Amino acid sequence: MVCSLHIDDILSATKFGDLIELSYPIGYSHLGVYDEDGHIIHLQ
């Protein structure tokens, strides 16, 4: 599923263990796991 949301919308809809992809217009993207404390833990 592809969507474009503000960070507050993303965090209000996430649950522990959800994968989050942050994409940037220059083609770079970043994957992380939500930890339920408002943090996104970087995945390599």
PDB file of N, CA and C in Angstrom:
ATOM      1  N   MET A   1       0.843  -1.175   0.000  1.00  0.00           N
ATOM      2  CA  MET A   1       0.000   0.000   0.000  1.00  0.00           C
ATOM      3  C   MET A   1       0.888   1.237   0.000  1.00  0.00           C
ATOM      4  N   VAL A   2       0.615   2.148  -0.894  1.00  0.00           N
ATOM      5  CA  VAL A   2       1.378   3.385  -0.981  1.00  0.00           C
ATOM      6  C   VAL A   2       0.490   4.522  -0.516  1.00  0.00           C
ATOM      7  N   CYS A   3       1.006   5.320   0.394  1.00  0.00           N
ATOM      8  CA  CYS A   3       0.230   6.472   0.851  1.00  0.00           C
ATOM      9  C   CYS A   3       1.176   7.598   1.222  1.00  0.00           C
ATOM     10  N   SER A   4       0.643   8.785   1.226  1.00  0.00           N
ATOM     11  CA  SER A   4       1.423   9.959   1.585  1.00  0.00           C
ATOM     12  C   SER A   4       0.744  10.623   2.773  1.00  0.00           C
ATOM     13  N   LEU A   5       1.359  10.525   3.943  1.00  0.00           N
ATOM     14  CA  LEU A   5       0.776  11.053   5.165  1.00  0.00           C
ATOM     15  C   LEU A   5       1.798  11.889   5.917  1.00  0.00           C
ATOM     16  N   HIS A   6       1.309  12.765   6.759  1.00  0.00           N
ATOM     17  CA  HIS A   6       2.179  13.507   7.664  1.00  0.00           C
ATOM     18  C   HIS A   6       2.578  12.586   8.812  1.00  0.00           C
ATOM     19  N   ILE A   7       3.691  12.873   9.456  1.00  0.00           N
ATOM     20  CA  ILE A   7       4.218  11.995  10.509  1.00  0.00           C
ATOM     21  C   ILE A   7       3.219  11.779  11.640  1.00  0.00           C
ATOM     22  N   ASP A   8       2.440  12.802  12.015  1.00  0.00           N
ATOM     23  CA  ASP A   8       1.441  12.636  13.081  1.00  0.00           C
ATOM     24  C   ASP A   8       0.378  11.624  12.682  1.00  0.00           C
ATOM     25  N   ASP A   9      -0.028  11.644  11.405  1.00  0.00           N
ATOM     26  CA  ASP A   9      -1.015  10.678  10.915  1.00  0.00           C
ATOM     27  C   ASP A   9      -0.438   9.266  10.927  1.00  0.00           C
ATOM     28  N   ILE A  10       0.819   9.144  10.560  1.00  0.00           N
ATOM     29  CA  ILE A  10       1.478   7.835  10.543  1.00  0.00           C
ATOM     30  C   ILE A  10       1.555   7.261  11.955  1.00  0.00           C
ATOM     31  N   LEU A  11       2.037   8.065  12.896  1.00  0.00           N
ATOM     32  CA  LEU A  11       2.215   7.570  14.260  1.00  0.00           C
ATOM     33  C   LEU A  11       0.896   7.244  14.939  1.00  0.00           C
ATOM     34  N   SER A  12      -0.176   7.961  14.607  1.00  0.00           N
ATOM     35  CA  SER A  12      -1.471   7.673  15.229  1.00  0.00           C
ATOM     36  C   SER A  12      -2.091   6.389  14.679  1.00  0.00           C
ATOM     37  N   ALA A  13      -1.626   5.931  13.516  1.00  0.00           N
ATOM     38  CA  ALA A  13      -2.198   4.739  12.886  1.00  0.00           C
ATOM     39  C   ALA A  13      -1.324   3.499  13.048  1.00  0.00           C
ATOM     40  N   THR A  14      -0.156   3.633  13.669  1.00  0.00           N
ATOM     41  CA  THR A  14       0.763   2.501  13.758  1.00  0.00           C
ATOM     42  C   THR A  14       0.586   1.703  15.041  1.00  0.00           C
ATOM     43  N   LYS A  15       1.042   0.449  14.950  1.00  0.00           N
ATOM     44  CA  LYS A  15       1.050  -0.456  16.099  1.00  0.00           C
ATOM     45  C   LYS A  15       2.464  -1.015  16.240  1.00  0.00           C
ATOM     46  N   PHE A  16       2.765  -1.574  17.395  1.00  0.00           N
ATOM     47  CA  PHE A  16       4.071  -2.168  17.651  1.00  0.00           C
ATOM     48  C   PHE A  16       4.435  -3.155  16.542  1.00  0.00           C
ATOM     49  N   GLY A  17       5.629  -3.016  15.990  1.00  0.00           N
ATOM     50  CA  GLY A  17       6.127  -3.938  14.981  1.00  0.00           C
ATOM     51  C   GLY A  17       5.801  -3.575  13.549  1.00  0.00           C
ATOM     52  N   ASP A  18       5.013  -2.520  13.334  1.00  0.00           N
ATOM     53  CA  ASP A  18       4.687  -2.111  11.964  1.00  0.00           C
ATOM     54  C   ASP A  18       5.943  -1.644  11.240  1.00  0.00           C
ATOM     55  N   LEU A  19       6.049  -2.004   9.961  1.00  0.00           N
ATOM     56  CA  LEU A  19       7.126  -1.503   9.115  1.00  0.00           C
ATOM     57  C   LEU A  19       6.705  -0.160   8.548  1.00  0.00           C
ATOM     58  N   ILE A  20       7.620   0.787   8.562  1.00  0.00           N
ATOM     59  CA  ILE A  20       7.348   2.125   8.049  1.00  0.00           C
ATOM     60  C   ILE A  20       8.403   2.448   7.007  1.00  0.00           C
ATOM     61  N   GLU A  21       7.943   2.897   5.835  1.00  0.00           N
ATOM     62  CA  GLU A  21       8.865   3.329   4.789  1.00  0.00           C
ATOM     63  C   GLU A  21       8.707   4.822   4.602  1.00  0.00           C
ATOM     64  N   LEU A  22       9.814   5.535   4.710  1.00  0.00           N
ATOM     65  CA  LEU A  22       9.837   6.964   4.450  1.00  0.00           C
ATOM     66  C   LEU A  22      10.530   7.159   3.110  1.00  0.00           C
ATOM     67  N   SER A  23       9.816   7.735   2.146  1.00  0.00           N
ATOM     68  CA  SER A  23      10.363   7.939   0.806  1.00  0.00           C
ATOM     69  C   SER A  23      10.598   9.422   0.562  1.00  0.00           C
ATOM     70  N   TYR A  24      11.666   9.715  -0.115  1.00  0.00           N
ATOM     71  CA  TYR A  24      12.042  11.087  -0.417  1.00  0.00           C
ATOM     72  C   TYR A  24      11.972  11.309  -1.922  1.00  0.00           C
ATOM     73  N   PRO A  25      11.677  12.541  -2.372  1.00  0.00           N
ATOM     74  CA  PRO A  25      11.522  12.833  -3.807  1.00  0.00           C
ATOM     75  C   PRO A  25      12.749  12.504  -4.654  1.00  0.00           C
ATOM     76  N   ILE A  26      13.932  12.472  -4.062  1.00  0.00           N
ATOM     77  CA  ILE A  26      15.148  12.199  -4.838  1.00  0.00           C
ATOM     78  C   ILE A  26      15.360  10.710  -5.087  1.00  0.00           C
ATOM     79  N   GLY A  27      14.406   9.876  -4.652  1.00  0.00           N
ATOM     80  CA  GLY A  27      14.490   8.451  -4.901  1.00  0.00           C
ATOM     81  C   GLY A  27      14.998   7.628  -3.736  1.00  0.00           C
ATOM     82  N   TYR A  28      15.437   8.266  -2.678  1.00  0.00           N
ATOM     83  CA  TYR A  28      15.941   7.582  -1.488  1.00  0.00           C
ATOM     84  C   TYR A  28      14.770   7.175  -0.602  1.00  0.00           C
ATOM     85  N   SER A  29      14.843   6.002  -0.013  1.00  0.00           N
ATOM     86  CA  SER A  29      13.818   5.598   0.948  1.00  0.00           C
ATOM     87  C   SER A  29      14.487   4.993   2.179  1.00  0.00           C
ATOM     88  N   HIS A  30      13.735   4.933   3.264  1.00  0.00           N
ATOM     89  CA  HIS A  30      14.259   4.479   4.545  1.00  0.00           C
ATOM     90  C   HIS A  30      13.221   3.559   5.168  1.00  0.00           C
ATOM     91  N   LEU A  31      13.636   2.395   5.660  1.00  0.00           N
ATOM     92  CA  LEU A  31      12.733   1.471   6.339  1.00  0.00           C
ATOM     93  C   LEU A  31      13.026   1.448   7.826  1.00  0.00           C
ATOM     94  N   GLY A  32      11.957   1.331   8.602  1.00  0.00           N
ATOM     95  CA  GLY A  32      12.105   1.232  10.039  1.00  0.00           C
ATOM     96  C   GLY A  32      10.966   0.431  10.636  1.00  0.00           C
ATOM     97  N   VAL A  33      11.097   0.088  11.908  1.00  0.00           N
ATOM     98  CA  VAL A  33      10.063  -0.639  12.650  1.00  0.00           C
ATOM     99  C   VAL A  33       9.593   0.268  13.779  1.00  0.00           C
ATOM    100  N   TYR A  34       8.285   0.380  13.938  1.00  0.00           N
ATOM    101  CA  TYR A  34       7.712   1.207  15.000  1.00  0.00           C
ATOM    102  C   TYR A  34       7.779   0.465  16.325  1.00  0.00           C
ATOM    103  N   ASP A  35       8.215   1.163  17.399  1.00  0.00           N
ATOM    104  CA  ASP A  35       8.412   0.483  18.687  1.00  0.00           C
ATOM    105  C   ASP A  35       7.382   0.838  19.760  1.00  0.00           C
ATOM    106  N   GLU A  36       6.323   1.531  19.419  1.00  0.00           N
ATOM    107  CA  GLU A  36       5.209   1.863  20.310  1.00  0.00           C
ATOM    108  C   GLU A  36       5.510   2.993  21.286  1.00  0.00           C
ATOM    109  N   ASP A  37       6.743   3.458  21.361  1.00  0.00           N
ATOM    110  CA  ASP A  37       7.092   4.593  22.213  1.00  0.00           C
ATOM    111  C   ASP A  37       7.274   5.858  21.380  1.00  0.00           C
ATOM    112  N   GLY A  38       6.813   5.827  20.144  1.00  0.00           N
ATOM    113  CA  GLY A  38       6.955   6.975  19.263  1.00  0.00           C
ATOM    114  C   GLY A  38       8.259   6.993  18.498  1.00  0.00           C
ATOM    115  N   HIS A  39       8.996   5.886  18.517  1.00  0.00           N
ATOM    116  CA  HIS A  39      10.277   5.796  17.821  1.00  0.00           C
ATOM    117  C   HIS A  39      10.163   4.884  16.608  1.00  0.00           C
ATOM    118  N   ILE A  40      10.943   5.205  15.601  1.00  0.00           N
ATOM    119  CA  ILE A  40      11.081   4.337  14.438  1.00  0.00           C
ATOM    120  C   ILE A  40      12.525   3.841  14.448  1.00  0.00           C
ATOM    121  N   ILE A  41      12.700   2.536  14.578  1.00  0.00           N
ATOM    122  CA  ILE A  41      14.028   1.930  14.664  1.00  0.00           C
ATOM    123  C   ILE A  41      14.511   1.614  13.255  1.00  0.00           C
ATOM    124  N   HIS A  42      15.665   2.144  12.906  1.00  0.00           N
ATOM    125  CA  HIS A  42      16.256   2.008  11.577  1.00  0.00           C
ATOM    126  C   HIS A  42      16.550   0.548  11.242  1.00  0.00           C
ATOM    127  N   LEU A  43      16.222   0.152  10.020  1.00  0.00           N
ATOM    128  CA  LEU A  43      16.577  -1.176   9.505  1.00  0.00           C
ATOM    129  C   LEU A  43      17.620  -1.009   8.421  1.00  0.00           C
ATOM    130  N   GLN A  44      18.584  -1.904   8.389  1.00  0.00           N
ATOM    131  CA  GLN A  44      19.591  -1.860   7.330  1.00  0.00           C
ATOM    132  C   GLN A  44      19.440  -3.043   6.427  1.00  0.00           C
TER     133      GLN A  44
END
